[in-house]
């Protein structure tokens, strides 16, 4: 049973933009924090951004600050990651996750999507 579904990945040139979406069912979205993680080939999964249920708290990893924006539309049970000024090092599979706490550690999230691939060419 798929509870979080990512979309919006693809191939983009360096400097370009993409918007990822994470469609969730109500049970995995309402009153829960949402986050994005990514995993590049041959590397560990890493935190990218997180947002609290009401959007009042956001966290970003340093490498994406000023370039990525996390948001959510609670009426649509959907989260977003707007990515701009993309770099080749942003190439990875991007996963959305939901959890009870707004955190940067993957262990705090108990629902995960299957991921969407983002490839940034130089």
C-alpha atoms as a PDB file:
ATOM      1  CA  UNK A   1       0.000   0.000   0.000  1.00  0.00           C
ATOM      2  CA  UNK A   2       1.693   3.146  -1.268  1.00  0.00           C
ATOM      3  CA  UNK A   3       1.144   6.081   1.043  1.00  0.00           C
ATOM      4  CA  UNK A   4       3.539   8.702  -0.318  1.00  0.00           C
ATOM      5  CA  UNK A   5       4.114   9.165  -4.024  1.00  0.00           C
ATOM      6  CA  UNK A   6       6.791  11.441  -5.403  1.00  0.00           C
ATOM      7  CA  UNK A   7       6.718  12.981  -8.862  1.00  0.00           C
ATOM      8  CA  UNK A   8       8.425  15.710 -10.825  1.00  0.00           C
ATOM      9  CA  UNK A   9      11.892  14.291 -11.191  1.00  0.00           C
ATOM     10  CA  UNK A  10      13.750  14.239 -14.470  1.00  0.00           C
ATOM     11  CA  UNK A  11      16.768  15.442 -16.384  1.00  0.00           C
ATOM     12  CA  UNK A  12      17.688  19.113 -16.197  1.00  0.00           C
ATOM     13  CA  UNK A  13      20.732  21.163 -17.096  1.00  0.00           C
ATOM     14  CA  UNK A  14      22.850  22.792 -14.438  1.00  0.00           C
ATOM     15  CA  UNK A  15      21.305  26.079 -13.387  1.00  0.00           C
ATOM     16  CA  UNK A  16      17.814  24.855 -14.142  1.00  0.00           C
ATOM     17  CA  UNK A  17      14.840  24.235 -11.904  1.00  0.00           C
ATOM     18  CA  UNK A  18      12.498  21.414 -10.978  1.00  0.00           C
ATOM     19  CA  UNK A  19       9.577  21.090  -8.605  1.00  0.00           C
ATOM     20  CA  UNK A  20       9.057  17.797  -6.859  1.00  0.00           C
ATOM     21  CA  UNK A  21       5.677  16.832  -5.481  1.00  0.00           C
ATOM     22  CA  UNK A  22       4.770  14.335  -2.793  1.00  0.00           C
ATOM     23  CA  UNK A  23       1.156  13.193  -2.806  1.00  0.00           C
ATOM     24  CA  UNK A  24       0.101  11.557   0.429  1.00  0.00           C
ATOM     25  CA  UNK A  25      -2.928   9.873   1.819  1.00  0.00           C
ATOM     26  CA  UNK A  26      -4.590  11.688   4.676  1.00  0.00           C
ATOM     27  CA  UNK A  27      -3.363   9.309   7.351  1.00  0.00           C
ATOM     28  CA  UNK A  28       0.294   9.890   6.490  1.00  0.00           C
ATOM     29  CA  UNK A  29      -0.001  13.649   6.025  1.00  0.00           C
ATOM     30  CA  UNK A  30      -2.389  15.277   8.467  1.00  0.00           C
ATOM     31  CA  UNK A  31      -0.724  16.655  11.594  1.00  0.00           C
ATOM     32  CA  UNK A  32       2.620  15.274  10.513  1.00  0.00           C
ATOM     33  CA  UNK A  33       5.910  16.816   9.511  1.00  0.00           C
ATOM     34  CA  UNK A  34       7.185  16.201   6.021  1.00  0.00           C
ATOM     35  CA  UNK A  35      10.721  15.979   4.757  1.00  0.00           C
ATOM     36  CA  UNK A  36      12.786  15.347   1.673  1.00  0.00           C
ATOM     37  CA  UNK A  37      15.876  13.176   1.642  1.00  0.00           C
ATOM     38  CA  UNK A  38      18.097  12.194  -1.239  1.00  0.00           C
ATOM     39  CA  UNK A  39      20.496   9.430  -2.107  1.00  0.00           C
ATOM     40  CA  UNK A  40      23.156   9.867  -4.749  1.00  0.00           C
ATOM     41  CA  UNK A  41      24.675   6.830  -6.460  1.00  0.00           C
ATOM     42  CA  UNK A  42      27.097   5.118  -4.121  1.00  0.00           C
ATOM     43  CA  UNK A  43      26.323   7.414  -1.216  1.00  0.00           C
ATOM     44  CA  UNK A  44      24.279   7.343   1.947  1.00  0.00           C
ATOM     45  CA  UNK A  45      20.822   8.826   2.091  1.00  0.00           C
ATOM     46  CA  UNK A  46      21.018  12.424   3.300  1.00  0.00           C
ATOM     47  CA  UNK A  47      18.609  14.985   4.668  1.00  0.00           C
ATOM     48  CA  UNK A  48      17.567  17.806   2.339  1.00  0.00           C
ATOM     49  CA  UNK A  49      14.686  19.739   3.910  1.00  0.00           C
ATOM     50  CA  UNK A  50      11.837  19.412   6.380  1.00  0.00           C
ATOM     51  CA  UNK A  51       8.671  21.308   7.183  1.00  0.00           C
ATOM     52  CA  UNK A  52       6.308  21.151  10.122  1.00  0.00           C
ATOM     53  CA  UNK A  53       2.587  20.450   9.826  1.00  0.00           C
ATOM     54  CA  UNK A  54       1.601  24.137   9.798  1.00  0.00           C
ATOM     55  CA  UNK A  55       4.668  25.212   7.885  1.00  0.00           C
ATOM     56  CA  UNK A  56       5.998  27.395  10.685  1.00  0.00           C
ATOM     57  CA  UNK A  57       9.247  25.488  10.998  1.00  0.00           C
ATOM     58  CA  UNK A  58      11.546  24.553   8.147  1.00  0.00           C
ATOM     59  CA  UNK A  59      15.012  23.066   8.062  1.00  0.00           C
ATOM     60  CA  UNK A  60      17.461  22.806   5.183  1.00  0.00           C
ATOM     61  CA  UNK A  61      20.791  21.188   4.764  1.00  0.00           C
ATOM     62  CA  UNK A  62      23.469  23.799   4.150  1.00  0.00           C
ATOM     63  CA  UNK A  63      24.168  22.769   0.576  1.00  0.00           C
ATOM     64  CA  UNK A  64      20.644  23.640  -0.589  1.00  0.00           C
ATOM     65  CA  UNK A  65      19.928  26.773   1.438  1.00  0.00           C
ATOM     66  CA  UNK A  66      18.941  29.634  -0.821  1.00  0.00           C
ATOM     67  CA  UNK A  67      18.316  27.265  -3.736  1.00  0.00           C
ATOM     68  CA  UNK A  68      15.605  24.862  -2.534  1.00  0.00           C
ATOM     69  CA  UNK A  69      12.277  25.680  -0.922  1.00  0.00           C
ATOM     70  CA  UNK A  70      10.082  23.176   0.871  1.00  0.00           C
ATOM     71  CA  UNK A  71       6.356  23.816   1.126  1.00  0.00           C
ATOM     72  CA  UNK A  72       3.088  22.007   1.574  1.00  0.00           C
ATOM     73  CA  UNK A  73      -0.572  22.349   0.710  1.00  0.00           C
ATOM     74  CA  UNK A  74      -2.468  20.716   3.530  1.00  0.00           C
ATOM     75  CA  UNK A  75      -5.778  20.987   1.712  1.00  0.00           C
ATOM     76  CA  UNK A  76      -4.351  18.795  -1.042  1.00  0.00           C
ATOM     77  CA  UNK A  77      -2.303  16.463   1.177  1.00  0.00           C
ATOM     78  CA  UNK A  78       0.683  17.329  -0.976  1.00  0.00           C
ATOM     79  CA  UNK A  79       4.187  18.497  -0.245  1.00  0.00           C
ATOM     80  CA  UNK A  80       6.628  20.181  -2.585  1.00  0.00           C
ATOM     81  CA  UNK A  81      10.304  20.790  -3.053  1.00  0.00           C
ATOM     82  CA  UNK A  82      11.102  23.650  -5.393  1.00  0.00           C
ATOM     83  CA  UNK A  83      14.677  23.279  -6.598  1.00  0.00           C
ATOM     84  CA  UNK A  84      16.472  26.091  -8.391  1.00  0.00           C
ATOM     85  CA  UNK A  85      20.034  26.746  -9.511  1.00  0.00           C
ATOM     86  CA  UNK A  86      20.522  23.014  -9.702  1.00  0.00           C
ATOM     87  CA  UNK A  87      24.023  21.598  -9.712  1.00  0.00           C
ATOM     88  CA  UNK A  88      25.355  18.241 -10.909  1.00  0.00           C
ATOM     89  CA  UNK A  89      25.962  17.305  -7.273  1.00  0.00           C
ATOM     90  CA  UNK A  90      22.203  17.515  -6.681  1.00  0.00           C
ATOM     91  CA  UNK A  91      21.821  14.392  -8.816  1.00  0.00           C
ATOM     92  CA  UNK A  92      20.119  11.759  -6.672  1.00  0.00           C
ATOM     93  CA  UNK A  93      16.963   9.868  -5.974  1.00  0.00           C
ATOM     94  CA  UNK A  94      14.750  12.141  -3.908  1.00  0.00           C
ATOM     95  CA  UNK A  95      12.450  10.664  -1.287  1.00  0.00           C
ATOM     96  CA  UNK A  96       9.676  12.282   0.673  1.00  0.00           C
ATOM     97  CA  UNK A  97       8.856  11.141   4.164  1.00  0.00           C
ATOM     98  CA  UNK A  98       6.405  11.941   6.921  1.00  0.00           C
ATOM     99  CA  UNK A  99       6.729  11.712  10.667  1.00  0.00           C
ATOM    100  CA  UNK A 100       5.469  13.048  13.951  1.00  0.00           C
ATOM    101  CA  UNK A 101       8.462  15.302  14.565  1.00  0.00           C
ATOM    102  CA  UNK A 102      10.077  17.911  12.326  1.00  0.00           C
ATOM    103  CA  UNK A 103      13.591  16.613  12.263  1.00  0.00           C
ATOM    104  CA  UNK A 104      16.699  16.172  10.154  1.00  0.00           C
ATOM    105  CA  UNK A 105      17.284  12.553  11.081  1.00  0.00           C
ATOM    106  CA  UNK A 106      15.752   9.878   8.883  1.00  0.00           C
ATOM    107  CA  UNK A 107      14.867   7.710  11.858  1.00  0.00           C
ATOM    108  CA  UNK A 108      12.207  10.195  12.920  1.00  0.00           C
ATOM    109  CA  UNK A 109      10.176   9.496   9.777  1.00  0.00           C
ATOM    110  CA  UNK A 110       8.082   6.375   9.553  1.00  0.00           C
ATOM    111  CA  UNK A 111       6.463   6.715   6.148  1.00  0.00           C
ATOM    112  CA  UNK A 112       8.471   6.939   2.957  1.00  0.00           C
ATOM    113  CA  UNK A 113       7.831   7.232  -0.726  1.00  0.00           C
ATOM    114  CA  UNK A 114       9.584   5.195  -3.378  1.00  0.00           C
ATOM    115  CA  UNK A 115      11.604   8.094  -4.719  1.00  0.00           C
ATOM    116  CA  UNK A 116      11.959  10.100  -7.891  1.00  0.00           C
ATOM    117  CA  UNK A 117      15.186  10.479  -9.830  1.00  0.00           C
ATOM    118  CA  UNK A 118      16.699  13.899 -10.433  1.00  0.00           C
ATOM    119  CA  UNK A 119      19.608  14.131 -12.842  1.00  0.00           C
ATOM    120  CA  UNK A 120      21.448  17.401 -13.342  1.00  0.00           C
ATOM    121  CA  UNK A 121      23.747  17.542 -16.336  1.00  0.00           C
ATOM    122  CA  UNK A 122      26.753  19.832 -16.492  1.00  0.00           C
END
